[in-house]
PDB file of N, CA and C in Angstrom:
ATOM      1  N   MET A   1      26.671 131.560 169.048  1.00  0.00           N
ATOM      2  CA  MET A   1      26.038 132.606 168.299  1.00  0.00           C
ATOM      3  C   MET A   1      24.829 133.127 169.083  1.00  0.00           C
ATOM      4  N   ASN A   2      24.597 134.368 168.987  1.00  0.00           N
ATOM      5  CA  ASN A   2      23.464 135.003 169.661  1.00  0.00           C
ATOM      6  C   ASN A   2      22.191 134.649 168.919  1.00  0.00           C
ATOM      7  N   ASP A   3      21.219 134.034 169.622  1.00  0.00           N
ATOM      8  CA  ASP A   3      19.970 133.625 168.976  1.00  0.00           C
ATOM      9  C   ASP A   3      18.962 134.760 168.839  1.00  0.00           C
ATOM     10  N   LEU A   4      19.301 135.952 169.302  1.00  0.00           N
ATOM     11  CA  LEU A   4      18.366 137.083 169.115  1.00  0.00           C
ATOM     12  C   LEU A   4      18.499 137.539 167.672  1.00  0.00           C
ATOM     13  N   ARG A   5      17.404 137.606 167.010  1.00  0.00           N
ATOM     14  CA  ARG A   5      17.406 138.012 165.616  1.00  0.00           C
ATOM     15  C   ARG A   5      16.735 139.367 165.506  1.00  0.00           C
ATOM     16  N   GLY A   6      17.525 140.405 165.580  1.00  0.00           N
ATOM     17  CA  GLY A   6      17.001 141.753 165.584  1.00  0.00           C
ATOM     18  C   GLY A   6      16.904 142.400 164.208  1.00  0.00           C
ATOM     19  N   GLU A   7      17.461 141.742 163.169  1.00  0.00           N
ATOM     20  CA  GLU A   7      17.400 142.313 161.835  1.00  0.00           C
ATOM     21  C   GLU A   7      16.516 141.475 160.932  1.00  0.00           C
ATOM     22  N   ARG A   8      15.728 142.136 160.126  1.00  0.00           N
ATOM     23  CA  ARG A   8      14.846 141.475 159.179  1.00  0.00           C
ATOM     24  C   ARG A   8      15.470 141.639 157.793  1.00  0.00           C
ATOM     25  N   LEU A   9      15.523 140.533 157.065  1.00  0.00           N
ATOM     26  CA  LEU A   9      16.026 140.552 155.689  1.00  0.00           C
ATOM     27  C   LEU A   9      14.877 140.107 154.789  1.00  0.00           C
ATOM     28  N   GLN A  10      14.513 140.976 153.864  1.00  0.00           N
ATOM     29  CA  GLN A  10      13.436 140.641 152.963  1.00  0.00           C
ATOM     30  C   GLN A  10      14.004 140.466 151.561  1.00  0.00           C
ATOM     31  N   ILE A  11      13.594 139.383 150.917  1.00  0.00           N
ATOM     32  CA  ILE A  11      14.018 139.136 149.537  1.00  0.00           C
ATOM     33  C   ILE A  11      12.815 138.772 148.711  1.00  0.00           C
ATOM     34  N   MET A  12      12.896 139.055 147.448  1.00  0.00           N
ATOM     35  CA  MET A  12      11.852 138.682 146.496  1.00  0.00           C
ATOM     36  C   MET A  12      12.305 137.430 145.756  1.00  0.00           C
ATOM     37  N   LEU A  13      11.421 136.427 145.673  1.00  0.00           N
ATOM     38  CA  LEU A  13      11.733 135.197 144.956  1.00  0.00           C
ATOM     39  C   LEU A  13      10.697 134.954 143.882  1.00  0.00           C
ATOM     40  N   SER A  14      11.138 134.365 142.792  1.00  0.00           N
ATOM     41  CA  SER A  14      10.177 133.947 141.779  1.00  0.00           C
ATOM     42  C   SER A  14       9.423 132.715 142.302  1.00  0.00           C
ATOM     43  N   PRO A  15       8.311 132.392 141.715  1.00  0.00           N
ATOM     44  CA  PRO A  15       7.587 131.169 142.147  1.00  0.00           C
ATOM     45  C   PRO A  15       8.494 129.928 142.053  1.00  0.00           C
ATOM     46  N   GLU A  16       9.319 129.867 141.034  1.00  0.00           N
ATOM     47  CA  GLU A  16      10.233 128.696 140.888  1.00  0.00           C
ATOM     48  C   GLU A  16      11.270 128.665 142.021  1.00  0.00           C
ATOM     49  N   GLU A  17      11.813 129.829 142.373  1.00  0.00           N
ATOM     50  CA  GLU A  17      12.803 129.863 143.444  1.00  0.00           C
ATOM     51  C   GLU A  17      12.147 129.488 144.775  1.00  0.00           C
ATOM     52  N   LEU A  18      10.958 129.987 145.022  1.00  0.00           N
ATOM     53  CA  LEU A  18      10.255 129.666 146.258  1.00  0.00           C
ATOM     54  C   LEU A  18       9.960 128.142 146.331  1.00  0.00           C
ATOM     55  N   SER A  19       9.618 127.557 145.204  1.00  0.00           N
ATOM     56  CA  SER A  19       9.368 126.121 145.131  1.00  0.00           C
ATOM     57  C   SER A  19      10.601 125.325 145.522  1.00  0.00           C
ATOM     58  N   VAL A  20      11.789 125.787 145.075  1.00  0.00           N
ATOM     59  CA  VAL A  20      13.057 125.105 145.430  1.00  0.00           C
ATOM     60  C   VAL A  20      13.300 125.221 146.921  1.00  0.00           C
ATOM     61  N   VAL A  21      13.059 126.372 147.507  1.00  0.00           N
ATOM     62  CA  VAL A  21      13.234 126.546 148.947  1.00  0.00           C
ATOM     63  C   VAL A  21      12.272 125.656 149.713  1.00  0.00           C
ATOM     64  N   ASP A  22      11.010 125.633 149.292  1.00  0.00           N
ATOM     65  CA  ASP A  22      10.038 124.792 149.984  1.00  0.00           C
ATOM     66  C   ASP A  22      10.355 123.303 149.831  1.00  0.00           C
ATOM     67  N   ASP A  23      10.825 122.874 148.648  1.00  0.00           N
ATOM     68  CA  ASP A  23      11.231 121.482 148.478  1.00  0.00           C
ATOM     69  C   ASP A  23      12.361 121.131 149.440  1.00  0.00           C
ATOM     70  N   PHE A  24      13.349 122.031 149.546  1.00  0.00           N
ATOM     71  CA  PHE A  24      14.452 121.788 150.493  1.00  0.00           C
ATOM     72  C   PHE A  24      13.928 121.677 151.909  1.00  0.00           C
ATOM     73  N   ARG A  25      13.062 122.630 152.261  1.00  0.00           N
ATOM     74  CA  ARG A  25      12.480 122.649 153.603  1.00  0.00           C
ATOM     75  C   ARG A  25      11.796 121.342 153.952  1.00  0.00           C
ATOM     76  N   PHE A  26      10.915 120.867 153.092  1.00  0.00           N
ATOM     77  CA  PHE A  26      10.136 119.666 153.369  1.00  0.00           C
ATOM     78  C   PHE A  26      11.007 118.407 153.320  1.00  0.00           C
ATOM     79  N   ARG A  27      11.951 118.381 152.382  1.00  0.00           N
ATOM     80  CA  ARG A  27      12.875 117.227 152.262  1.00  0.00           C
ATOM     81  C   ARG A  27      13.702 117.044 153.556  1.00  0.00           C
ATOM     82  N   HIS A  28      14.053 118.182 154.178  1.00  0.00           N
ATOM     83  CA  HIS A  28      14.858 118.143 155.404  1.00  0.00           C
ATOM     84  C   HIS A  28      14.056 118.347 156.666  1.00  0.00           C
ATOM     85  N   ARG A  29      12.723 118.331 156.526  1.00  0.00           N
ATOM     86  CA  ARG A  29      11.802 118.430 157.668  1.00  0.00           C
ATOM     87  C   ARG A  29      12.089 119.650 158.538  1.00  0.00           C
ATOM     88  N   MET A  30      12.260 120.777 157.924  1.00  0.00           N
ATOM     89  CA  MET A  30      12.540 122.012 158.635  1.00  0.00           C
ATOM     90  C   MET A  30      11.228 122.676 159.013  1.00  0.00           C
ATOM     91  N   PRO A  31      11.168 123.355 160.152  1.00  0.00           N
ATOM     92  CA  PRO A  31       9.896 123.879 160.640  1.00  0.00           C
ATOM     93  C   PRO A  31       9.346 125.105 159.875  1.00  0.00           C
ATOM     94  N   THR A  32      10.239 125.899 159.300  1.00  0.00           N
ATOM     95  CA  THR A  32       9.796 127.147 158.651  1.00  0.00           C
ATOM     96  C   THR A  32      10.640 127.415 157.415  1.00  0.00           C
ATOM     97  N   ARG A  33      10.100 128.289 156.555  1.00  0.00           N
ATOM     98  CA  ARG A  33      10.926 128.763 155.429  1.00  0.00           C
ATOM     99  C   ARG A  33      12.163 129.504 155.899  1.00  0.00           C
ATOM    100  N   ALA A  34      12.002 130.281 156.952  1.00  0.00           N
ATOM    101  CA  ALA A  34      13.142 131.037 157.473  1.00  0.00           C
ATOM    102  C   ALA A  34      14.261 130.111 157.884  1.00  0.00           C
ATOM    103  N   ALA A  35      13.927 129.004 158.548  1.00  0.00           N
ATOM    104  CA  ALA A  35      14.942 128.036 158.965  1.00  0.00           C
ATOM    105  C   ALA A  35      15.619 127.442 157.717  1.00  0.00           C
ATOM    106  N   ALA A  36      14.844 127.149 156.704  1.00  0.00           N
ATOM    107  CA  ALA A  36      15.395 126.582 155.476  1.00  0.00           C
ATOM    108  C   ALA A  36      16.324 127.575 154.802  1.00  0.00           C
ATOM    109  N   VAL A  37      15.938 128.855 154.748  1.00  0.00           N
ATOM    110  CA  VAL A  37      16.765 129.861 154.142  1.00  0.00           C
ATOM    111  C   VAL A  37      18.069 130.044 154.922  1.00  0.00           C
ATOM    112  N   ARG A  38      17.997 130.044 156.256  1.00  0.00           N
ATOM    113  CA  ARG A  38      19.205 130.148 157.090  1.00  0.00           C
ATOM    114  C   ARG A  38      20.139 128.974 156.818  1.00  0.00           C
ATOM    115  N   GLU A  39      19.591 127.762 156.691  1.00  0.00           N
ATOM    116  CA  GLU A  39      20.410 126.599 156.425  1.00  0.00           C
ATOM    117  C   GLU A  39      21.033 126.689 155.033  1.00  0.00           C
ATOM    118  N   LEU A  40      20.284 127.111 154.055  1.00  0.00           N
ATOM    119  CA  LEU A  40      20.823 127.278 152.718  1.00  0.00           C
ATOM    120  C   LEU A  40      21.923 128.339 152.683  1.00  0.00           C
ATOM    121  N   LEU A  41      21.726 129.411 153.435  1.00  0.00           N
ATOM    122  CA  LEU A  41      22.797 130.427 153.531  1.00  0.00           C
ATOM    123  C   LEU A  41      24.066 129.842 154.135  1.00  0.00           C
ATOM    124  N   LYS A  42      23.889 129.064 155.211  1.00  0.00           N
ATOM    125  CA  LYS A  42      25.032 128.427 155.858  1.00  0.00           C
ATOM    126  C   LYS A  42      25.766 127.513 154.885  1.00  0.00           C
ATOM    127  N   LEU A  43      25.014 126.694 154.157  1.00  0.00           N
ATOM    128  CA  LEU A  43      25.619 125.783 153.190  1.00  0.00           C
ATOM    129  C   LEU A  43      26.310 126.529 152.075  1.00  0.00           C
ATOM    130  N   GLY A  44      25.685 127.593 151.584  1.00  0.00           N
ATOM    131  CA  GLY A  44      26.273 128.385 150.504  1.00  0.00           C
ATOM    132  C   GLY A  44      27.545 129.074 150.943  1.00  0.00           C
ATOM    133  N   LEU A  45      27.551 129.631 152.151  1.00  0.00           N
ATOM    134  CA  LEU A  45      28.748 130.304 152.650  1.00  0.00           C
ATOM    135  C   LEU A  45      29.915 129.318 152.877  1.00  0.00           C
ATOM    136  N   ALA A  46      29.570 128.103 153.285  1.00  0.00           N
ATOM    137  CA  ALA A  46      30.603 127.099 153.494  1.00  0.00           C
ATOM    138  C   ALA A  46      31.182 126.620 152.151  1.00  0.00           C
ATOM    139  N   ALA A  47      30.378 126.667 151.107  1.00  0.00           N
ATOM    140  CA  ALA A  47      30.795 126.167 149.795  1.00  0.00           C
ATOM    141  C   ALA A  47      31.641 127.223 149.042  1.00  0.00           C
ATOM    142  N   GLY A  48      31.475 128.458 149.356  1.00  0.00           N
ATOM    143  CA  GLY A  48      32.213 129.510 148.667  1.00  0.00           C
ATOM    144  C   GLY A  48      31.274 130.385 147.853  1.00  0.00           C
ATOM    145  N   THR A  49      31.803 131.434 147.272  1.00  0.00           N
ATOM    146  CA  THR A  49      30.988 132.376 146.518  1.00  0.00           C
ATOM    147  C   THR A  49      31.596 132.629 145.172  1.00  0.00           C
ATOM    148  N   THR A  50      30.823 133.261 144.323  1.00  0.00           N
ATOM    149  CA  THR A  50      31.346 133.681 143.026  1.00  0.00           C
ATOM    150  C   THR A  50      31.891 135.088 143.180  1.00  0.00           C
ATOM    151  N   ASP A  51      32.815 135.422 142.303  1.00  0.00           N
ATOM    152  CA  ASP A  51      33.398 136.766 142.335  1.00  0.00           C
ATOM    153  C   ASP A  51      32.618 137.653 141.397  1.00  0.00           C
ATOM    154  N   GLY A  52      31.769 138.476 141.965  1.00  0.00           N
ATOM    155  CA  GLY A  52      30.967 139.416 141.138  1.00  0.00           C
ATOM    156  C   GLY A  52      31.862 140.487 140.558  1.00  0.00           C
ATOM    157  N   GLY A  53      31.640 140.778 139.305  1.00  0.00           N
ATOM    158  CA  GLY A  53      32.418 141.829 138.626  1.00  0.00           C
ATOM    159  C   GLY A  53      31.797 143.204 138.917  1.00  0.00           C
ATOM    160  N   PRO A  54      32.427 144.240 138.435  1.00  0.00           N
ATOM    161  CA  PRO A  54      31.982 145.600 138.694  1.00  0.00           C
ATOM    162  C   PRO A  54      30.616 145.912 138.077  1.00  0.00           C
ATOM    163  N   ARG A  55      30.227 145.162 137.079  1.00  0.00           N
ATOM    164  CA  ARG A  55      28.944 145.438 136.399  1.00  0.00           C
ATOM    165  C   ARG A  55      27.822 144.467 136.800  1.00  0.00           C
ATOM    166  N   MET A  56      28.038 143.692 137.838  1.00  0.00           N
ATOM    167  CA  MET A  56      27.027 142.729 138.296  1.00  0.00           C
ATOM    168  C   MET A  56      25.881 143.486 138.979  1.00  0.00           C
ATOM    169  N   LYS A  57      24.668 143.092 138.673  1.00  0.00           N
ATOM    170  CA  LYS A  57      23.472 143.663 139.286  1.00  0.00           C
ATOM    171  C   LYS A  57      22.844 142.625 140.207  1.00  0.00           C
ATOM    172  N   SER A  58      21.997 143.066 141.083  1.00  0.00           N
ATOM    173  CA  SER A  58      21.293 142.166 141.975  1.00  0.00           C
ATOM    174  C   SER A  58      20.508 141.117 141.176  1.00  0.00           C
ATOM    175  N   SER A  59      19.914 141.522 140.050  1.00  0.00           N
ATOM    176  CA  SER A  59      19.134 140.584 139.232  1.00  0.00           C
ATOM    177  C   SER A  59      19.972 139.522 138.564  1.00  0.00           C
ATOM    178  N   ASP A  60      21.310 139.687 138.552  1.00  0.00           N
ATOM    179  CA  ASP A  60      22.200 138.698 137.970  1.00  0.00           C
ATOM    180  C   ASP A  60      22.371 137.486 138.880  1.00  0.00           C
ATOM    181  N   TYR A  61      21.961 137.610 140.119  1.00  0.00           N
ATOM    182  CA  TYR A  61      22.104 136.517 141.093  1.00  0.00           C
ATOM    183  C   TYR A  61      20.744 135.893 141.328  1.00  0.00           C
ATOM    184  N   GLY A  62      20.684 134.590 141.228  1.00  0.00           N
ATOM    185  CA  GLY A  62      19.431 133.915 141.466  1.00  0.00           C
ATOM    186  C   GLY A  62      19.628 132.430 141.562  1.00  0.00           C
ATOM    187  N   VAL A  63      18.601 131.720 141.823  1.00  0.00           N
ATOM    188  CA  VAL A  63      18.642 130.269 141.946  1.00  0.00           C
ATOM    189  C   VAL A  63      18.826 129.642 140.565  1.00  0.00           C
ATOM    190  N   PHE A  64      18.221 130.237 139.521  1.00  0.00           N
ATOM    191  CA  PHE A  64      18.285 129.707 138.181  1.00  0.00           C
ATOM    192  C   PHE A  64      19.057 130.676 137.277  1.00  0.00           C
ATOM    193  N   HIS A  65      19.727 130.147 136.293  1.00  0.00           N
ATOM    194  CA  HIS A  65      20.403 130.996 135.312  1.00  0.00           C
ATOM    195  C   HIS A  65      19.313 131.616 134.423  1.00  0.00           C
ATOM    196  N   ARG A  66      19.386 132.890 134.228  1.00  0.00           N
ATOM    197  CA  ARG A  66      18.359 133.563 133.446  1.00  0.00           C
ATOM    198  C   ARG A  66      18.993 134.233 132.234  1.00  0.00           C
ATOM    199  N   GLY A  67      18.184 134.443 131.211  1.00  0.00           N
ATOM    200  CA  GLY A  67      18.634 135.108 130.009  1.00  0.00           C
ATOM    201  C   GLY A  67      18.829 136.590 130.231  1.00  0.00           C
ATOM    202  N   PRO A  68      19.200 137.338 129.199  1.00  0.00           N
ATOM    203  CA  PRO A  68      19.509 138.756 129.327  1.00  0.00           C
ATOM    204  C   PRO A  68      18.342 139.615 129.831  1.00  0.00           C
ATOM    205  N   ALA A  69      17.110 139.189 129.557  1.00  0.00           N
ATOM    206  CA  ALA A  69      15.948 139.968 130.019  1.00  0.00           C
ATOM    207  C   ALA A  69      15.494 139.530 131.386  1.00  0.00           C
ATOM    208  N   GLY A  70      16.217 138.597 131.998  1.00  0.00           N
ATOM    209  CA  GLY A  70      15.833 138.161 133.342  1.00  0.00           C
ATOM    210  C   GLY A  70      14.818 137.011 133.337  1.00  0.00           C
ATOM    211  N   HIS A  71      14.528 136.482 132.154  1.00  0.00           N
ATOM    212  CA  HIS A  71      13.550 135.389 132.058  1.00  0.00           C
ATOM    213  C   HIS A  71      14.241 134.137 131.606  1.00  0.00           C
ATOM    214  N   LEU A  72      13.679 132.998 131.979  1.00  0.00           N
ATOM    215  CA  LEU A  72      14.192 131.714 131.512  1.00  0.00           C
ATOM    216  C   LEU A  72      13.950 131.640 129.996  1.00  0.00           C
ATOM    217  N   ASP A  73      14.909 131.059 129.309  1.00  0.00           N
ATOM    218  CA  ASP A  73      14.721 130.835 127.872  1.00  0.00           C
ATOM    219  C   ASP A  73      13.661 129.765 127.643  1.00  0.00           C
ATOM    220  N   GLN A  74      13.286 129.585 126.398  1.00  0.00           N
ATOM    221  CA  GLN A  74      12.246 128.626 126.043  1.00  0.00           C
ATOM    222  C   GLN A  74      12.518 127.245 126.614  1.00  0.00           C
ATOM    223  N   ASP A  75      13.787 126.811 126.579  1.00  0.00           N
ATOM    224  CA  ASP A  75      14.118 125.483 127.091  1.00  0.00           C
ATOM    225  C   ASP A  75      14.323 125.457 128.594  1.00  0.00           C
ATOM    226  N   GLY A  76      14.125 126.616 129.240  1.00  0.00           N
ATOM    227  CA  GLY A  76      14.250 126.684 130.705  1.00  0.00           C
ATOM    228  C   GLY A  76      15.661 126.836 131.188  1.00  0.00           C
ATOM    229  N   SER A  77      16.624 126.945 130.276  1.00  0.00           N
ATOM    230  CA  SER A  77      18.013 127.008 130.700  1.00  0.00           C
ATOM    231  C   SER A  77      18.560 128.400 130.943  1.00  0.00           C
ATOM    232  N   GLY A  78      17.959 129.416 130.345  1.00  0.00           N
ATOM    233  CA  GLY A  78      18.454 130.774 130.522  1.00  0.00           C
ATOM    234  C   GLY A  78      19.632 131.058 129.612  1.00  0.00           C
ATOM    235  N   GLU A  79      20.041 130.124 128.788  1.00  0.00           N
ATOM    236  CA  GLU A  79      21.207 130.335 127.899  1.00  0.00           C
ATOM    237  C   GLU A  79      20.813 130.634 126.478  1.00  0.00           C
TER     238      GLU A  79
END
């Protein structure tokens, strides 16, 4: 693989999502958040993906299941 990284990918994460990424990073002693995100992408792609329907929005995808307004429910489950 070419190690030149000419494209920048910017994503917005909630504080909870960022905490999960940082926990993964430190647990696996990774040097940067970017390295952790690349590793998580690799693991996710190897595991498979969900089949998004025609009405799926970007906000429907996230680390945590969220309720209809995009917020965690009172019990934190999003259900």
